[in-house]
Protein backbone atom coordinates (compact mmCIF):
# COMPACT_ATOMS: atom_id res chain seq x y z
CA MET A 1 -2.17 33.58 -14.87
CA HIS A 2 -3.40 30.31 -16.40
CA LYS A 3 -4.10 30.44 -20.09
CA VAL A 4 -7.59 29.27 -21.27
CA PHE A 5 -8.68 28.09 -24.78
CA ILE A 6 -12.21 27.38 -25.87
CA VAL A 7 -13.16 24.78 -28.56
CA GLU A 8 -17.06 24.75 -29.28
CA ASP A 9 -18.87 24.44 -32.53
CA GLU A 10 -22.14 26.07 -31.32
CA GLU A 11 -21.22 29.90 -31.94
CA ILE A 12 -23.71 31.34 -29.31
CA LEU A 13 -22.21 29.23 -26.76
CA ARG A 14 -18.65 29.62 -27.74
CA GLU A 15 -19.06 33.53 -27.74
CA GLY A 16 -21.12 33.33 -24.74
CA MET A 17 -18.35 31.91 -22.76
CA LYS A 18 -15.74 34.35 -24.23
CA LYS A 19 -17.69 37.46 -23.57
CA ASN A 20 -19.70 36.76 -20.50
CA ILE A 21 -16.87 36.21 -18.20
CA ASN A 22 -14.28 38.87 -17.35
CA TRP A 23 -11.32 36.37 -17.71
CA GLU A 24 -8.57 38.86 -16.53
CA GLU A 25 -10.60 39.91 -13.47
CA ALA A 26 -11.08 36.08 -12.79
CA GLY A 27 -7.46 35.58 -13.13
CA TYR A 28 -7.17 33.93 -16.25
CA GLU A 29 -5.56 34.96 -19.64
CA PHE A 30 -8.06 34.26 -22.51
CA SER A 31 -6.04 32.75 -25.31
CA GLY A 32 -8.55 32.00 -28.15
CA THR A 33 -11.31 30.02 -29.50
CA ALA A 34 -11.98 27.37 -32.25
CA LYS A 35 -15.08 25.82 -33.75
CA ASP A 36 -13.88 22.20 -34.18
CA GLY A 37 -10.91 19.83 -33.06
CA GLU A 38 -9.08 20.09 -36.13
CA GLU A 39 -8.97 24.10 -36.22
CA ALA A 40 -8.11 23.96 -32.49
CA LEU A 41 -5.04 21.64 -32.70
CA THR A 42 -3.07 24.19 -34.88
CA LEU A 43 -3.93 27.16 -32.55
CA ILE A 44 -3.27 25.16 -29.45
CA ARG A 45 -0.02 24.15 -30.72
CA GLU A 46 0.94 27.89 -31.28
CA CYS A 47 -0.49 29.39 -27.94
CA MET A 48 0.15 26.52 -25.66
CA PRO A 49 -2.70 27.10 -23.22
CA ASP A 50 -2.79 25.60 -19.59
CA ILE A 51 -6.51 24.70 -19.72
CA ILE A 52 -8.71 23.84 -22.70
CA ILE A 53 -12.65 23.89 -22.42
CA THR A 54 -13.90 21.72 -25.23
CA ASP A 55 -17.35 20.26 -26.24
CA ILE A 56 -17.46 16.60 -27.27
CA LYS A 57 -19.58 16.36 -30.29
CA MET A 58 -18.13 18.50 -33.17
CA PRO A 59 -17.83 18.17 -36.86
CA PHE A 60 -14.35 17.20 -38.49
CA MET A 61 -12.62 16.11 -35.48
CA ASN A 62 -14.69 15.84 -32.17
CA GLY A 63 -13.51 16.84 -28.65
CA LEU A 64 -12.38 13.11 -27.76
CA GLU A 65 -9.96 12.76 -30.80
CA MET A 66 -8.64 16.19 -30.09
CA SER A 67 -8.32 15.58 -26.49
CA LYS A 68 -6.44 12.38 -27.10
CA ILE A 69 -3.87 14.09 -29.55
CA ILE A 70 -3.44 16.91 -27.01
CA LYS A 71 -2.59 14.76 -23.89
CA GLU A 72 -0.17 12.55 -26.05
CA GLU A 73 1.68 15.63 -27.25
CA ASN A 74 1.44 17.77 -23.70
CA PRO A 75 0.06 15.79 -20.80
CA SER A 76 0.52 18.86 -18.49
CA ILE A 77 -2.52 20.54 -20.41
CA LYS A 78 -5.64 20.35 -18.57
CA ILE A 79 -8.85 19.62 -20.34
CA ILE A 80 -12.62 20.37 -19.24
CA VAL A 81 -15.24 18.60 -21.30
CA LEU A 82 -18.70 19.81 -22.12
CA THR A 83 -21.44 17.55 -22.34
CA GLY A 84 -25.06 16.93 -22.37
CA TYR A 85 -27.27 14.59 -20.38
CA ASP A 86 -27.51 12.10 -23.26
CA GLU A 87 -23.57 12.16 -23.66
CA PHE A 88 -22.61 10.66 -20.38
CA ASP A 89 -20.82 7.70 -22.07
CA PHE A 90 -18.80 10.22 -24.02
CA ALA A 91 -17.93 12.01 -20.79
CA ARG A 92 -16.67 8.96 -19.08
CA GLU A 93 -14.53 7.96 -22.32
CA ALA A 94 -13.31 11.53 -22.10
CA ILE A 95 -12.11 11.04 -18.54
CA SER A 96 -10.51 7.61 -19.29
CA ILE A 97 -8.28 9.25 -22.08
CA GLY A 98 -6.87 12.06 -19.87
CA ALA A 99 -9.61 14.79 -19.47
CA ASP A 100 -9.56 16.40 -15.98
CA GLU A 101 -13.17 17.51 -15.53
CA TYR A 102 -16.53 17.57 -17.15
CA LEU A 103 -19.35 20.24 -17.09
CA LEU A 104 -22.93 19.24 -17.99
CA LYS A 105 -24.80 21.64 -20.27
CA PRO A 106 -26.37 23.95 -19.67
CA PHE A 107 -24.00 25.44 -17.14
CA SER A 108 -23.60 28.97 -15.47
CA ALA A 109 -20.58 31.13 -15.65
CA LYS A 110 -20.21 30.42 -11.84
CA LYS A 111 -19.99 26.78 -12.45
CA LEU A 112 -17.47 27.07 -15.24
CA LEU A 113 -15.24 29.18 -12.92
CA ASN A 114 -15.64 26.75 -10.03
CA SER A 115 -14.33 24.15 -12.37
CA LEU A 116 -11.50 26.23 -13.66
CA SER A 117 -10.64 27.20 -9.90
CA GLN A 118 -10.26 23.41 -9.23
CA ILE A 119 -8.02 22.75 -12.30
CA SER A 120 -6.12 25.89 -11.48
CA GLU A 121 -5.25 24.31 -7.87
CA LYS A 122 -4.34 21.14 -9.41
CA ILE A 123 -1.79 22.83 -11.95
CA ILE A 124 -0.31 24.75 -9.11
CA LYS A 125 0.05 21.57 -7.00
CA GLU A 126 1.72 19.77 -9.85
CA LYS A 127 4.22 22.65 -10.29
CA GLU A 128 5.05 22.71 -6.47
CA GLU A 129 5.71 18.99 -6.80
CA LYS A 130 7.96 19.34 -9.69
CA VAL A 131 9.91 22.08 -7.69
CA LEU A 132 10.16 19.61 -4.82
CA THR A 133 11.47 16.95 -6.92
CA TYR A 134 14.06 19.14 -8.42
CA GLU A 135 15.06 20.27 -4.85
CA LYS A 136 15.41 16.63 -3.84
CA TYR A 137 17.81 16.22 -7.03
CA ILE A 138 19.85 19.09 -5.97
CA LEU A 139 20.07 17.76 -2.44
CA GLU A 140 21.19 14.42 -3.68
CA LYS A 141 23.80 16.07 -5.79
CA GLU A 142 25.12 18.16 -2.87
CA LEU A 143 25.33 14.96 -0.81
CA LEU A 144 27.08 13.09 -3.47
CA LYS A 145 29.78 15.90 -3.69
CA THR A 146 30.07 15.79 0.26
CA PHE A 147 31.00 12.15 0.05
CA GLU A 148 33.32 12.59 -3.15
CA ASN A 149 35.08 15.37 -1.48
CA LYS A 150 35.74 13.09 1.58
CA GLY A 151 37.17 10.49 -0.76
CA GLU A 152 34.29 8.00 0.28
CA ASN A 153 32.73 5.64 -2.15
CA ILE A 154 28.89 6.37 -2.17
CA GLN A 155 27.70 3.27 -3.40
CA GLU A 156 29.69 1.34 -0.93
CA PHE A 157 28.38 3.55 1.84
CA TYR A 158 24.81 2.94 0.69
CA LYS A 159 25.28 -0.71 0.47
CA ASN A 160 26.89 -1.31 3.87
CA ASP A 161 24.40 0.96 5.63
CA ASN A 162 21.30 -0.51 4.09
CA GLU A 163 22.54 -4.17 4.86
CA ILE A 164 22.83 -3.36 8.60
CA ILE A 165 19.42 -1.60 8.61
CA GLU A 166 17.58 -4.50 6.55
CA ASP A 167 19.21 -7.32 8.69
CA PHE A 168 17.96 -5.62 11.80
CA PHE A 169 14.20 -5.23 10.29
CA LYS A 170 14.38 -9.04 9.65
CA PHE A 171 15.75 -10.16 12.75
CA GLY A 172 15.95 -7.47 15.15
CA LYS A 173 13.69 -7.53 18.45
CA LEU A 174 11.90 -4.74 20.16
CA THR A 175 14.11 -4.97 23.26
CA GLU A 176 17.19 -4.61 21.23
CA ILE A 177 16.19 -1.36 19.44
CA ASP A 178 17.78 1.11 21.95
CA SER A 179 21.02 -0.68 21.72
CA PHE A 180 20.92 -1.04 18.02
CA VAL A 181 19.84 2.69 17.59
CA ASN A 182 22.60 3.99 19.94
CA ASN A 183 25.37 2.14 18.01
CA TYR A 184 23.94 3.15 14.80
CA VAL A 185 24.00 6.93 15.67
CA LYS A 186 27.45 6.62 17.30
CA ASN A 187 28.76 5.18 13.92
CA LEU A 188 27.28 8.16 11.83
CA ASN A 189 29.67 10.76 10.57
CA GLU A 190 30.08 13.08 13.61
CA SER A 191 31.54 15.91 11.57
CA SER A 192 28.50 16.18 9.33
CA ILE A 193 25.77 15.07 11.61
CA ASN A 194 24.86 18.55 12.36
CA SER A 195 24.27 19.33 8.60
CA TYR A 196 20.76 19.46 7.05
CA ILE A 197 21.89 17.45 3.92
CA TYR A 198 23.29 14.57 6.00
CA THR A 199 20.00 14.30 8.27
CA TYR A 200 18.16 14.16 4.80
CA TYR A 201 20.51 11.31 3.72
CA ILE A 202 19.88 9.40 6.74
CA PHE A 203 16.16 9.50 6.80
CA MET A 204 15.91 8.94 2.97
CA ASN A 205 18.19 5.93 3.39
CA LEU A 206 16.03 4.54 6.45
CA PHE A 207 12.69 5.13 4.56
CA MET A 208 14.25 3.27 1.43
CA SER A 209 15.17 0.38 3.41
CA THR A 210 11.90 0.46 5.28
CA SER A 211 9.78 0.55 1.89
CA LYS A 212 11.77 -2.45 0.56
CA PHE A 213 11.34 -4.44 3.77
CA LEU A 214 7.57 -3.71 3.80
CA LYS A 215 7.11 -4.82 0.25
CA ASN A 216 8.54 -8.11 1.12
CA ILE A 217 6.35 -8.90 3.99
CA GLY A 218 2.98 -7.45 3.04
CA GLU A 219 0.79 -5.13 1.09
CA VAL A 220 1.29 -1.88 2.95
CA LYS A 221 2.26 1.70 1.83
CA LEU A 222 5.06 3.47 3.41
CA GLU A 223 2.94 6.40 4.10
CA ASP A 224 0.49 4.49 5.79
CA ILE A 225 3.11 3.80 8.71
CA PHE A 226 4.93 6.91 8.32
CA PRO A 227 2.78 9.75 7.35
CA GLU A 228 5.80 12.08 7.71
CA ILE A 229 7.24 10.71 4.25
CA LYS A 230 4.82 12.85 2.50
CA ASP A 231 6.86 15.94 3.58
CA ILE A 232 10.19 14.44 4.08
CA GLU A 233 12.02 17.74 3.82
CA PHE A 234 9.85 19.41 6.76
CA PHE A 235 10.24 16.36 8.65
CA CYS A 236 14.10 16.66 8.27
CA ILE A 237 14.25 20.21 9.14
CA GLU A 238 12.06 19.75 12.16
CA THR A 239 14.09 16.94 13.48
CA HIS A 240 17.33 18.55 12.52
CA ASN A 241 16.37 21.93 14.47
CA ASP A 242 14.92 20.17 17.42
CA ASN A 243 18.07 17.79 17.70
CA ARG A 244 15.62 14.71 17.76
CA LEU A 245 17.85 12.56 15.41
CA LYS A 246 18.17 9.58 17.65
CA GLU A 247 14.48 9.63 19.14
CA ALA A 248 13.20 9.78 15.35
CA ILE A 249 15.44 7.07 14.06
CA ARG A 250 14.34 4.95 17.18
CA ASP A 251 10.69 5.66 16.26
CA ILE A 252 11.32 4.32 12.83
CA PHE A 253 12.72 1.16 13.99
CA PHE A 254 10.13 0.59 16.75
CA LYS A 255 7.22 0.94 13.93
CA VAL A 256 8.72 -1.29 11.69
CA ILE A 257 9.70 -4.05 14.15
CA ASN A 258 6.20 -3.67 15.53
CA PHE A 259 4.64 -4.10 12.30
CA ARG A 260 6.70 -7.10 11.50
CA GLU A 261 5.49 -8.74 14.57
CA ASN A 262 1.76 -7.84 14.32
CA HIS A 263 1.97 -9.15 10.54
CA LYS A 264 3.68 -12.27 11.64
CA THR A 265 0.90 -12.93 14.30
CA ASP A 266 -1.90 -12.25 11.88
CA LYS A 267 -0.42 -14.30 9.00
CA TYR A 268 0.48 -17.38 11.21
CA GLY A 269 -2.85 -17.03 12.99
CA ALA A 270 -4.81 -17.63 9.67
CA ILE A 271 -2.48 -20.65 8.94
CA ILE A 272 -3.27 -22.20 12.26
CA GLU A 273 -6.77 -21.78 11.95
CA GLU A 274 -6.91 -23.33 8.50
CA ALA A 275 -4.95 -26.33 10.10
CA LYS A 276 -7.22 -26.72 12.97
CA SER A 277 -10.20 -26.60 10.52
CA PHE A 278 -8.43 -29.29 8.22
CA ILE A 279 -7.96 -31.40 11.39
CA ARG A 280 -11.56 -31.30 12.63
CA LYS A 281 -12.92 -32.02 9.26
CA ASN A 282 -10.65 -35.03 8.67
CA LEU A 283 -10.44 -36.53 12.41
CA SER A 284 -11.72 -39.98 11.12
CA ASN A 285 -9.02 -40.45 8.59
CA PRO A 286 -6.29 -42.62 10.24
CA ASP A 287 -3.66 -41.40 7.98
CA LEU A 288 -4.08 -37.71 9.28
CA SER A 289 -0.66 -36.57 10.04
CA LEU A 290 1.42 -33.42 10.27
CA ASN A 291 2.77 -33.86 6.69
CA LEU A 292 -0.73 -34.36 5.43
CA VAL A 293 -2.04 -31.32 7.25
CA ALA A 294 0.97 -29.12 5.91
CA TYR A 295 0.45 -30.27 2.41
CA ASN A 296 -3.21 -29.30 2.35
CA ILE A 297 -2.57 -25.71 3.63
CA HIS A 298 0.41 -25.42 1.28
CA VAL A 299 3.23 -24.96 4.07
CA SER A 300 6.52 -26.97 4.32
CA PRO A 301 6.24 -29.70 7.30
CA ASN A 302 8.97 -28.24 9.07
CA HIS A 303 7.88 -24.96 8.82
CA PHE A 304 4.32 -25.91 10.02
CA SER A 305 5.68 -27.88 12.85
CA SER A 306 7.65 -24.64 14.22
CA ILE A 307 4.86 -22.37 13.70
CA PHE A 308 2.12 -24.57 15.30
CA LYS A 309 4.20 -25.11 18.34
CA ASN A 310 5.01 -21.19 18.64
CA SER A 311 1.39 -20.41 18.17
CA THR A 312 -0.45 -22.99 20.26
CA GLY A 313 2.14 -23.80 22.84
CA GLU A 314 1.78 -27.55 22.03
CA SER A 315 3.13 -30.06 19.38
CA PHE A 316 0.98 -31.06 16.39
CA THR A 317 0.82 -34.73 17.85
CA ASP A 318 -0.30 -33.52 21.29
CA PHE A 319 -3.13 -31.33 19.76
CA LEU A 320 -4.41 -34.21 17.48
CA ILE A 321 -4.57 -36.45 20.37
CA LYS A 322 -6.30 -33.94 22.49
CA ILE A 323 -8.94 -33.16 19.87
CA ARG A 324 -9.61 -37.01 19.16
CA ILE A 325 -10.07 -37.46 23.03
CA GLU A 326 -12.34 -34.39 23.23
CA LYS A 327 -14.40 -35.97 20.17
CA ALA A 328 -14.45 -39.34 21.72
CA LYS A 329 -15.90 -37.99 25.07
CA GLU A 330 -18.65 -36.21 22.96
CA LEU A 331 -19.70 -39.26 21.34
CA LEU A 332 -19.45 -41.39 24.57
CA ASN A 333 -21.89 -38.88 26.30
CA SER A 334 -24.30 -38.19 23.37
CA THR A 335 -24.74 -41.39 21.32
CA THR A 336 -25.19 -45.11 21.75
CA LEU A 337 -22.26 -46.09 19.60
CA LYS A 338 -20.00 -48.78 20.80
CA THR A 339 -16.30 -48.30 21.56
CA TYR A 340 -15.07 -49.73 18.18
CA GLU A 341 -17.26 -47.40 16.41
CA ILE A 342 -16.24 -44.36 18.28
CA SER A 343 -12.82 -45.35 17.71
CA GLU A 344 -13.21 -45.65 13.85
CA LYS A 345 -14.91 -42.08 13.94
CA ILE A 346 -11.88 -40.44 15.44
CA GLY A 347 -9.35 -42.03 13.50
CA TYR A 348 -8.19 -44.89 15.52
CA PRO A 349 -8.93 -48.26 13.52
CA ASP A 350 -7.55 -50.22 16.37
CA SER A 351 -10.19 -49.98 19.41
CA HIS A 352 -7.48 -51.37 21.85
CA TYR A 353 -5.13 -48.59 20.98
CA PHE A 354 -7.95 -46.17 21.37
CA SER A 355 -8.84 -47.51 24.79
CA TYR A 356 -5.24 -47.29 25.84
CA ILE A 357 -4.83 -43.58 24.69
CA PHE A 358 -8.10 -42.66 26.11
CA LYS A 359 -7.26 -44.01 29.54
CA LYS A 360 -3.86 -42.50 29.47
CA ASN A 361 -5.33 -39.02 28.80
CA THR A 362 -8.30 -39.17 31.19
CA GLY A 363 -7.43 -41.83 33.77
CA LEU A 364 -10.71 -43.94 32.71
CA THR A 365 -11.57 -46.47 29.92
CA PRO A 366 -14.16 -45.41 27.48
CA SER A 367 -16.60 -47.73 29.23
CA GLU A 368 -15.83 -46.30 32.68
CA PHE A 369 -16.23 -42.92 31.30
CA LYS A 370 -19.51 -43.65 29.64
CA LYS A 371 -20.74 -45.22 32.85
CA ASN A 372 -19.69 -42.37 35.03
CA SER A 373 -21.26 -39.66 32.75
């Protein structure tokens, strides 16, 4: 049973909560009351309740001051704040300093019990998580003993294993996954591969390497790609019992490499679009160059040249000429501008050079193109 303590300066309300609820029948142990925060602190430190129900406005020490002290001394104690409609700012402040729930006055016994039920579930969940953390600690200790008994250096084992995994995450291809996983599984400790503790180590290590890799390439949570990490123990047991070790490892590598490739495409796509936009806006600039574009989109010239060619299938120079010729055609078709004026508008100060480039790419001189269109 969870222990409940009430702090309320209004005697009618304090006694009403105490007497109108059958605490034991509801599944709680009633551990006491106090009329203000100062009196409550002494009693709370003695009986150590799980849940405190407290008013905000009280003499001597109000509920906010008391809650802050309690949360600092024992963060695991849950606090339900009682507040009126005109005290919402106080309620918000109470939540900010660690209160877990608030109830608007007046409230029924049913509403109070509903709030207590939610808080109780939270307490139970937190205790389960603590047990889980302890079990993980025990598993890691057992794993460490396993390696020490075999005379192996656990730090070196982690280091070597992680380096291989992280290198593949960085440079491996989707078509190479099967081969890599086959070799990876083959090199695992065959005498221990059937034990649950070893399976747990393998996946914990893989997920740690995955988490590190994902942090380096984008804002993404590990559980968004691998929801199974939320219950790693169940995942390991299920995988181990079904003898799906290789399949599960392959799935991890496939998801990571696939995410890397999609992220790369998205990332470079934005850079290329930014570059194309800059080129179109500055088409009349005769000094427009790969270096100038790279500088303005904050990418090194060599890197920009490489990703531009890989993303568009053409070099920066070829693309720039193509865009300038397209713009020239548009101006020849829709304006009465002279050849030298169009030449200047698309970044060619020398009209003779413009005519040469135009004919080389279209088979016609600017004048011939205008006449034919």
